[in-house]
């Protein structure tokens, strides 16, 4: 649990369209256009436009819910000091990624050559 760096702008995530959801046994990769990706190894939550929210630590179970975000665009990206990253999509749904490990990285954001490890 390292948290997000103070003053980190997540503005580059806004307008990114989710192109691919890659589900592995121990990680989840969200690939966006414009050479942006988020690799997750922590707990996540998904919420649809109706507000129904589900948390997952097994990405195989999260896969069906994540697929509805394909070809959707991030309208707002918010990070909190505790490391929680919330991606709000233009359709009203959200993906929340938690920084829930004191020993290991919880997620990595890549934007071209820039890498942000949380």
N, C-alpha and C. Protein backbone atom coordinates (compact mmCIF):
# COMPACT_ATOMS: atom_id res chain seq x y z
N UNK A 1 0.84 -1.16 0.00
CA UNK A 1 0.00 0.00 0.00
C UNK A 1 0.89 1.23 0.00
N UNK A 2 1.19 1.68 -1.21
CA UNK A 2 2.10 2.80 -1.38
C UNK A 2 1.36 4.09 -1.68
N UNK A 3 0.17 4.00 -2.20
CA UNK A 3 -0.59 5.19 -2.54
C UNK A 3 -0.12 5.81 -3.84
N UNK A 4 -0.87 6.77 -4.30
CA UNK A 4 -0.52 7.50 -5.51
C UNK A 4 0.38 8.68 -5.14
N UNK A 5 1.33 9.01 -5.98
CA UNK A 5 2.20 10.16 -5.70
C UNK A 5 1.37 11.45 -5.62
N UNK A 6 1.72 12.30 -4.66
CA UNK A 6 1.02 13.59 -4.53
C UNK A 6 1.20 14.40 -5.80
N UNK A 7 0.13 15.03 -6.23
CA UNK A 7 0.19 15.89 -7.40
C UNK A 7 0.17 15.16 -8.72
N UNK A 8 0.01 13.84 -8.70
CA UNK A 8 -0.02 13.07 -9.94
C UNK A 8 -1.27 13.41 -10.74
N UNK A 9 -1.08 13.85 -11.96
CA UNK A 9 -2.20 14.14 -12.84
C UNK A 9 -2.56 12.88 -13.62
N UNK A 10 -3.82 12.51 -13.55
CA UNK A 10 -4.32 11.35 -14.30
C UNK A 10 -5.11 11.79 -15.53
N UNK A 11 -4.95 13.04 -15.90
CA UNK A 11 -5.67 13.63 -17.02
C UNK A 11 -5.45 12.85 -18.32
N UNK A 12 -4.26 12.26 -18.48
CA UNK A 12 -3.95 11.52 -19.71
C UNK A 12 -4.85 10.29 -19.89
N UNK A 13 -5.49 9.82 -18.81
CA UNK A 13 -6.40 8.69 -18.92
C UNK A 13 -7.76 9.08 -19.50
N UNK A 14 -8.14 10.34 -19.32
CA UNK A 14 -9.44 10.80 -19.84
C UNK A 14 -9.42 10.78 -21.36
N UNK A 15 -10.47 10.26 -21.93
CA UNK A 15 -10.58 10.15 -23.37
C UNK A 15 -10.02 8.86 -23.94
N UNK A 16 -9.43 8.03 -23.08
CA UNK A 16 -8.88 6.75 -23.53
C UNK A 16 -10.01 5.73 -23.71
N UNK A 17 -9.98 5.00 -24.81
CA UNK A 17 -10.97 3.98 -25.10
C UNK A 17 -10.39 2.60 -24.79
N UNK A 18 -11.15 1.80 -24.04
CA UNK A 18 -10.70 0.45 -23.69
C UNK A 18 -10.81 -0.46 -24.91
N UNK A 19 -9.68 -0.97 -25.34
CA UNK A 19 -9.62 -1.81 -26.54
C UNK A 19 -9.54 -3.29 -26.23
N UNK A 20 -8.96 -3.64 -25.07
CA UNK A 20 -8.70 -5.05 -24.79
C UNK A 20 -8.68 -5.28 -23.28
N UNK A 21 -9.29 -6.40 -22.88
CA UNK A 21 -9.24 -6.87 -21.50
C UNK A 21 -8.54 -8.22 -21.52
N UNK A 22 -7.37 -8.30 -20.88
CA UNK A 22 -6.59 -9.54 -20.84
C UNK A 22 -6.65 -10.10 -19.41
N UNK A 23 -7.17 -11.31 -19.28
CA UNK A 23 -7.35 -11.93 -17.97
C UNK A 23 -6.36 -13.07 -17.82
N UNK A 24 -5.53 -12.97 -16.77
CA UNK A 24 -4.58 -14.01 -16.44
C UNK A 24 -4.93 -14.62 -15.09
N UNK A 25 -4.18 -15.62 -14.70
CA UNK A 25 -4.43 -16.28 -13.42
C UNK A 25 -4.18 -15.34 -12.24
N UNK A 26 -3.22 -14.42 -12.39
CA UNK A 26 -2.86 -13.55 -11.27
C UNK A 26 -2.83 -12.07 -11.63
N UNK A 27 -3.20 -11.74 -12.86
CA UNK A 27 -3.21 -10.34 -13.23
C UNK A 27 -4.28 -10.05 -14.28
N UNK A 28 -4.57 -8.79 -14.41
CA UNK A 28 -5.55 -8.29 -15.35
C UNK A 28 -4.90 -7.12 -16.08
N UNK A 29 -5.00 -7.10 -17.39
CA UNK A 29 -4.42 -6.00 -18.16
C UNK A 29 -5.54 -5.33 -18.95
N UNK A 30 -5.65 -4.03 -18.75
CA UNK A 30 -6.61 -3.21 -19.50
C UNK A 30 -5.80 -2.41 -20.51
N UNK A 31 -5.98 -2.68 -21.79
CA UNK A 31 -5.26 -1.97 -22.84
C UNK A 31 -6.17 -0.94 -23.49
N UNK A 32 -5.67 0.28 -23.53
CA UNK A 32 -6.41 1.40 -24.11
C UNK A 32 -5.70 1.86 -25.37
N UNK A 33 -6.34 2.71 -26.15
CA UNK A 33 -5.66 3.25 -27.33
C UNK A 33 -4.60 4.24 -26.85
N UNK A 34 -3.81 4.76 -27.73
CA UNK A 34 -2.81 5.78 -27.42
C UNK A 34 -1.70 5.24 -26.51
N UNK A 35 -1.41 3.93 -26.61
CA UNK A 35 -0.31 3.30 -25.87
C UNK A 35 -0.43 3.47 -24.36
N UNK A 36 -1.63 3.25 -23.85
CA UNK A 36 -1.92 3.32 -22.42
C UNK A 36 -2.42 1.96 -21.96
N UNK A 37 -1.90 1.48 -20.81
CA UNK A 37 -2.40 0.25 -20.24
C UNK A 37 -2.35 0.33 -18.72
N UNK A 38 -3.19 -0.49 -18.08
CA UNK A 38 -3.19 -0.62 -16.63
C UNK A 38 -3.12 -2.13 -16.34
N UNK A 39 -2.06 -2.54 -15.64
CA UNK A 39 -1.90 -3.92 -15.24
C UNK A 39 -2.25 -4.02 -13.76
N UNK A 40 -3.19 -4.88 -13.43
CA UNK A 40 -3.73 -4.97 -12.08
C UNK A 40 -3.39 -6.32 -11.46
N UNK A 41 -2.91 -6.29 -10.22
CA UNK A 41 -2.66 -7.52 -9.47
C UNK A 41 -3.34 -7.45 -8.10
N UNK A 42 -4.30 -6.54 -7.97
CA UNK A 42 -4.99 -6.33 -6.70
C UNK A 42 -6.49 -6.52 -6.88
N UNK A 43 -7.21 -6.21 -5.86
CA UNK A 43 -8.68 -6.29 -5.88
C UNK A 43 -9.25 -5.15 -6.73
N UNK A 44 -10.35 -5.44 -7.42
CA UNK A 44 -11.03 -4.42 -8.21
C UNK A 44 -12.52 -4.45 -7.90
N UNK A 45 -13.20 -3.40 -8.32
CA UNK A 45 -14.66 -3.35 -8.24
C UNK A 45 -15.18 -2.81 -9.57
N UNK A 46 -16.31 -3.32 -9.99
CA UNK A 46 -16.97 -2.85 -11.20
C UNK A 46 -18.38 -2.42 -10.84
N UNK A 47 -18.82 -1.34 -11.45
CA UNK A 47 -20.19 -0.88 -11.24
C UNK A 47 -20.76 -0.49 -12.59
N UNK A 48 -21.98 -0.89 -12.83
CA UNK A 48 -22.65 -0.54 -14.07
C UNK A 48 -23.36 0.79 -13.92
N UNK A 49 -23.95 1.29 -15.00
CA UNK A 49 -24.68 2.55 -14.94
C UNK A 49 -25.83 2.52 -13.93
N UNK A 50 -26.32 1.31 -13.63
CA UNK A 50 -27.42 1.17 -12.68
C UNK A 50 -26.96 1.27 -11.23
N UNK A 51 -25.62 1.34 -11.01
CA UNK A 51 -25.07 1.47 -9.67
C UNK A 51 -24.76 0.16 -8.99
N UNK A 52 -25.16 -0.97 -9.58
CA UNK A 52 -24.86 -2.28 -8.99
C UNK A 52 -23.34 -2.47 -9.00
N UNK A 53 -22.77 -2.71 -7.83
CA UNK A 53 -21.32 -2.77 -7.66
C UNK A 53 -20.90 -4.14 -7.14
N UNK A 54 -19.83 -4.69 -7.75
CA UNK A 54 -19.30 -5.99 -7.34
C UNK A 54 -17.78 -5.89 -7.20
N UNK A 55 -17.24 -6.48 -6.13
CA UNK A 55 -15.80 -6.52 -5.92
C UNK A 55 -15.27 -7.90 -6.28
N UNK A 56 -14.02 -7.90 -6.79
CA UNK A 56 -13.41 -9.16 -7.22
C UNK A 56 -11.94 -9.20 -6.83
N UNK A 57 -11.48 -10.37 -6.42
CA UNK A 57 -10.05 -10.62 -6.31
C UNK A 57 -9.66 -11.79 -7.21
N UNK A 58 -10.64 -12.36 -7.88
CA UNK A 58 -10.41 -13.40 -8.89
C UNK A 58 -10.86 -12.80 -10.23
N UNK A 59 -9.89 -12.49 -11.09
CA UNK A 59 -10.19 -11.81 -12.34
C UNK A 59 -11.04 -12.64 -13.29
N UNK A 60 -10.99 -13.97 -13.15
CA UNK A 60 -11.84 -14.82 -14.00
C UNK A 60 -13.31 -14.54 -13.72
N UNK A 61 -13.63 -14.28 -12.47
CA UNK A 61 -15.01 -13.97 -12.11
C UNK A 61 -15.41 -12.57 -12.58
N UNK A 62 -14.44 -11.67 -12.64
CA UNK A 62 -14.71 -10.29 -13.05
C UNK A 62 -14.84 -10.15 -14.57
N UNK A 63 -14.29 -11.10 -15.32
CA UNK A 63 -14.21 -10.98 -16.78
C UNK A 63 -15.53 -10.62 -17.46
N UNK A 64 -16.63 -11.31 -17.17
CA UNK A 64 -17.88 -10.95 -17.87
C UNK A 64 -18.30 -9.50 -17.63
N UNK A 65 -18.11 -9.03 -16.42
CA UNK A 65 -18.50 -7.65 -16.11
C UNK A 65 -17.56 -6.64 -16.76
N UNK A 66 -16.28 -7.00 -16.87
CA UNK A 66 -15.31 -6.10 -17.50
C UNK A 66 -15.54 -5.97 -19.00
N UNK A 67 -16.05 -7.02 -19.62
CA UNK A 67 -16.25 -7.00 -21.08
C UNK A 67 -17.22 -5.91 -21.53
N UNK A 68 -18.13 -5.51 -20.68
CA UNK A 68 -19.09 -4.47 -21.07
C UNK A 68 -18.41 -3.12 -21.25
N UNK A 69 -17.18 -2.97 -20.73
CA UNK A 69 -16.44 -1.71 -20.86
C UNK A 69 -15.65 -1.62 -22.17
N UNK A 70 -15.58 -2.72 -22.93
CA UNK A 70 -14.85 -2.70 -24.20
C UNK A 70 -15.45 -1.65 -25.13
N UNK A 71 -14.57 -0.89 -25.74
CA UNK A 71 -14.91 0.18 -26.68
C UNK A 71 -15.61 1.37 -25.98
N UNK A 72 -15.52 1.43 -24.66
CA UNK A 72 -16.05 2.56 -23.90
C UNK A 72 -14.88 3.50 -23.57
N UNK A 73 -15.19 4.75 -23.33
CA UNK A 73 -14.18 5.79 -23.12
C UNK A 73 -14.20 6.30 -21.69
N UNK A 74 -13.02 6.51 -21.13
CA UNK A 74 -12.91 7.06 -19.79
C UNK A 74 -13.30 8.54 -19.81
N UNK A 75 -14.28 8.89 -19.01
CA UNK A 75 -14.72 10.28 -18.89
C UNK A 75 -14.00 10.99 -17.76
N UNK A 76 -13.66 10.22 -16.70
CA UNK A 76 -13.01 10.82 -15.53
C UNK A 76 -12.13 9.78 -14.85
N UNK A 77 -10.94 10.18 -14.47
CA UNK A 77 -10.01 9.31 -13.74
C UNK A 77 -9.65 10.01 -12.43
N UNK A 78 -9.89 9.32 -11.32
CA UNK A 78 -9.63 9.90 -10.01
C UNK A 78 -8.74 8.97 -9.20
N UNK A 79 -7.77 9.54 -8.52
CA UNK A 79 -6.93 8.77 -7.63
C UNK A 79 -6.99 9.36 -6.24
N UNK A 80 -6.89 8.51 -5.24
CA UNK A 80 -6.89 8.99 -3.86
C UNK A 80 -5.54 8.69 -3.22
N UNK A 81 -5.26 9.35 -2.11
CA UNK A 81 -3.97 9.17 -1.44
C UNK A 81 -3.72 7.73 -1.02
N UNK A 82 -4.79 6.98 -0.75
CA UNK A 82 -4.60 5.58 -0.34
C UNK A 82 -4.28 4.67 -1.52
N UNK A 83 -4.23 5.25 -2.72
CA UNK A 83 -3.86 4.48 -3.91
C UNK A 83 -5.01 3.98 -4.74
N UNK A 84 -6.23 4.22 -4.30
CA UNK A 84 -7.39 3.77 -5.07
C UNK A 84 -7.51 4.58 -6.36
N UNK A 85 -7.68 3.87 -7.47
CA UNK A 85 -7.86 4.49 -8.78
C UNK A 85 -9.27 4.19 -9.25
N UNK A 86 -10.00 5.23 -9.61
CA UNK A 86 -11.38 5.06 -10.08
C UNK A 86 -11.48 5.60 -11.51
N UNK A 87 -11.87 4.71 -12.42
CA UNK A 87 -12.07 5.07 -13.82
C UNK A 87 -13.56 5.11 -14.10
N UNK A 88 -14.07 6.30 -14.40
CA UNK A 88 -15.49 6.46 -14.71
C UNK A 88 -15.63 6.57 -16.23
N UNK A 89 -16.47 5.74 -16.80
CA UNK A 89 -16.64 5.69 -18.25
C UNK A 89 -17.83 6.54 -18.68
N UNK A 90 -17.81 6.93 -19.95
CA UNK A 90 -18.84 7.82 -20.46
C UNK A 90 -20.24 7.20 -20.45
N UNK A 91 -20.33 5.89 -20.29
CA UNK A 91 -21.63 5.22 -20.23
C UNK A 91 -22.20 5.19 -18.81
N UNK A 92 -21.41 5.67 -17.83
CA UNK A 92 -21.88 5.71 -16.45
C UNK A 92 -21.33 4.61 -15.56
N UNK A 93 -20.65 3.63 -16.11
CA UNK A 93 -20.06 2.56 -15.31
C UNK A 93 -18.68 2.96 -14.79
N UNK A 94 -18.20 2.24 -13.78
CA UNK A 94 -16.88 2.52 -13.23
C UNK A 94 -16.11 1.23 -12.97
N UNK A 95 -14.79 1.36 -13.05
CA UNK A 95 -13.86 0.33 -12.60
C UNK A 95 -13.02 0.98 -11.52
N UNK A 96 -12.99 0.35 -10.35
CA UNK A 96 -12.18 0.85 -9.24
C UNK A 96 -11.08 -0.16 -8.96
N UNK A 97 -9.86 0.33 -8.86
CA UNK A 97 -8.69 -0.51 -8.64
C UNK A 97 -8.08 -0.10 -7.30
N UNK A 98 -7.85 -1.08 -6.43
CA UNK A 98 -7.38 -0.81 -5.08
C UNK A 98 -5.89 -1.08 -4.92
N UNK A 99 -5.25 -0.29 -4.09
CA UNK A 99 -3.87 -0.51 -3.68
C UNK A 99 -3.96 -1.26 -2.35
N UNK A 100 -4.02 -2.58 -2.40
CA UNK A 100 -4.33 -3.36 -1.20
C UNK A 100 -3.21 -4.30 -0.75
N UNK A 101 -1.99 -4.09 -1.25
CA UNK A 101 -0.88 -4.94 -0.84
C UNK A 101 0.24 -4.09 -0.25
N UNK A 102 0.65 -4.43 0.96
CA UNK A 102 1.75 -3.72 1.60
C UNK A 102 3.10 -4.23 1.10
N UNK A 103 3.12 -5.42 0.49
CA UNK A 103 4.38 -6.05 0.10
C UNK A 103 4.68 -5.98 -1.39
N UNK A 104 3.64 -5.92 -2.22
CA UNK A 104 3.82 -5.99 -3.66
C UNK A 104 3.09 -4.86 -4.36
N UNK A 105 3.42 -4.68 -5.63
CA UNK A 105 2.70 -3.70 -6.43
C UNK A 105 1.25 -4.14 -6.58
N UNK A 106 0.36 -3.18 -6.56
CA UNK A 106 -1.06 -3.48 -6.75
C UNK A 106 -1.49 -3.26 -8.20
N UNK A 107 -0.92 -2.24 -8.82
CA UNK A 107 -1.20 -2.00 -10.24
C UNK A 107 -0.13 -1.10 -10.82
N UNK A 108 -0.03 -1.15 -12.15
CA UNK A 108 0.94 -0.35 -12.88
C UNK A 108 0.21 0.34 -14.02
N UNK A 109 0.45 1.63 -14.16
CA UNK A 109 -0.11 2.40 -15.27
C UNK A 109 1.03 2.70 -16.23
N UNK A 110 0.82 2.37 -17.49
CA UNK A 110 1.84 2.67 -18.51
C UNK A 110 1.24 3.61 -19.54
N UNK A 111 1.98 4.68 -19.82
CA UNK A 111 1.59 5.65 -20.85
C UNK A 111 2.82 5.90 -21.71
N UNK A 112 2.91 5.18 -22.82
CA UNK A 112 4.10 5.26 -23.64
C UNK A 112 5.31 4.77 -22.87
N UNK A 113 6.32 5.61 -22.73
CA UNK A 113 7.55 5.26 -21.99
C UNK A 113 7.39 5.48 -20.48
N UNK A 114 6.37 6.20 -20.08
CA UNK A 114 6.16 6.52 -18.66
C UNK A 114 5.49 5.34 -17.95
N UNK A 115 6.03 4.96 -16.79
CA UNK A 115 5.48 3.85 -16.00
C UNK A 115 5.27 4.35 -14.57
N UNK A 116 4.05 4.15 -14.07
CA UNK A 116 3.69 4.54 -12.71
C UNK A 116 3.33 3.26 -11.97
N UNK A 117 4.12 2.92 -10.94
CA UNK A 117 3.91 1.70 -10.18
C UNK A 117 3.28 2.05 -8.84
N UNK A 118 2.16 1.42 -8.54
CA UNK A 118 1.46 1.65 -7.27
C UNK A 118 1.41 0.34 -6.49
